[in-house]
Amino acid sequence: MNPVRTCPICSGTDDHPRHVYDVGDLTLAPHMDCHATASGCEVCLAQLDGVGGVEGNPKGEALRAHLATTGPAADQPGWTAPATEEV
């Protein structure tokens, strides 16, 4: 199960896909669509592109299923090795 977090942009609390990153001692975890819209994040935009982009309103289980089956690959922005994979 994915961690339940609160999006710092929309204040939604759920386990939907997020862009997690550190700013100093603070860890931020906005929804990918919120982050793409608010900051123009290239990583989020690239990952959302395959499901209609931000305009396609990809969220929750639909976005999770897309990301789990299509990418990104190890040579693309935003890739993180699965916990079961050695790096």
Protein backbone atom coordinates (compact mmCIF):
# COMPACT_ATOMS: atom_id res chain seq x y z
CA MET A 1 0.00 0.00 0.00
CA ASN A 2 1.21 3.51 -0.79
CA PRO A 3 1.56 6.05 2.02
CA VAL A 4 -1.39 8.37 2.61
CA ARG A 5 -0.20 11.96 2.42
CA THR A 6 -1.64 15.44 2.15
CA CYS A 7 -0.89 17.37 -1.04
CA PRO A 8 0.65 20.76 -0.18
CA ILE A 9 -1.05 22.30 -3.22
CA CYS A 10 -4.68 21.09 -3.14
CA SER A 11 -4.75 19.77 0.47
CA GLY A 12 -6.21 16.45 -0.70
CA THR A 13 -5.30 13.51 1.53
CA ASP A 14 -4.95 10.16 -0.24
CA ASP A 15 -2.45 7.67 -1.65
CA HIS A 16 -2.53 8.92 -5.25
CA PRO A 17 0.73 9.14 -7.27
CA ARG A 18 2.96 12.01 -6.21
CA HIS A 19 6.24 13.71 -6.97
CA VAL A 20 8.17 13.34 -3.72
CA TYR A 21 11.23 15.53 -3.23
CA ASP A 22 13.23 17.21 -0.49
CA VAL A 23 13.67 20.94 0.02
CA GLY A 24 16.21 21.36 2.78
CA ASP A 25 14.94 19.37 5.76
CA LEU A 26 11.37 19.27 4.41
CA THR A 27 9.92 16.48 2.24
CA LEU A 28 7.18 17.63 -0.16
CA ALA A 29 4.78 15.24 -1.86
CA PRO A 30 2.32 17.01 -4.18
CA HIS A 31 0.03 15.08 -6.53
CA MET A 32 1.66 14.79 -9.96
CA ASP A 33 -1.16 16.71 -11.66
CA CYS A 34 -1.09 19.46 -9.01
CA HIS A 35 2.68 19.78 -9.29
CA ALA A 36 2.61 19.86 -13.08
CA THR A 37 -0.04 22.59 -13.06
CA ALA A 38 1.46 24.69 -10.27
CA SER A 39 5.13 24.54 -11.27
CA GLY A 40 5.32 23.20 -14.82
CA CYS A 41 7.43 20.30 -13.49
CA GLU A 42 8.93 18.51 -16.50
CA VAL A 43 9.06 15.16 -14.67
CA CYS A 44 5.35 15.28 -13.80
CA LEU A 45 4.36 16.60 -17.23
CA ALA A 46 6.30 13.79 -18.95
CA GLN A 47 4.67 11.12 -16.82
CA LEU A 48 1.17 12.57 -17.27
CA ASP A 49 1.62 12.95 -21.03
CA GLY A 50 0.78 9.29 -21.70
CA VAL A 51 -2.64 9.59 -20.07
CA GLY A 52 -3.90 12.73 -21.73
CA GLY A 53 -1.71 15.23 -19.91
CA VAL A 54 -2.94 17.45 -17.12
CA GLU A 55 -6.03 18.30 -19.20
CA GLY A 56 -6.98 14.60 -19.21
CA ASN A 57 -7.28 14.86 -15.41
CA PRO A 58 -5.36 11.64 -14.68
CA LYS A 59 -5.69 10.81 -10.99
CA GLY A 60 -5.80 7.98 -8.51
CA GLU A 61 -6.01 4.38 -9.64
CA ALA A 62 -6.07 5.24 -13.37
CA LEU A 63 -2.82 7.18 -13.09
CA ARG A 64 -1.25 4.55 -10.84
CA ALA A 65 -2.11 1.79 -13.35
CA HIS A 66 -0.66 3.84 -16.21
CA LEU A 67 2.58 4.55 -14.35
CA ALA A 68 2.97 0.95 -13.22
CA THR A 69 2.68 -0.37 -16.78
CA THR A 70 4.32 2.29 -18.92
CA GLY A 71 7.09 4.10 -17.25
CA PRO A 72 9.20 5.91 -16.89
CA ALA A 73 12.13 3.74 -17.91
CA ALA A 74 15.45 3.77 -16.09
CA ASP A 75 16.91 6.28 -18.56
CA GLN A 76 14.04 8.80 -18.19
CA PRO A 77 13.41 11.62 -15.70
CA GLY A 78 11.51 10.58 -12.62
CA TRP A 79 12.50 6.92 -12.63
CA THR A 80 12.93 5.28 -9.25
CA ALA A 81 13.96 1.66 -8.87
CA PRO A 82 11.23 -0.51 -7.36
CA ALA A 83 11.92 -1.63 -3.80
CA THR A 84 12.36 -5.18 -5.11
CA GLU A 85 15.07 -4.19 -7.60
CA GLU A 86 18.73 -3.86 -6.72
CA VAL A 87 20.53 -0.78 -8.03
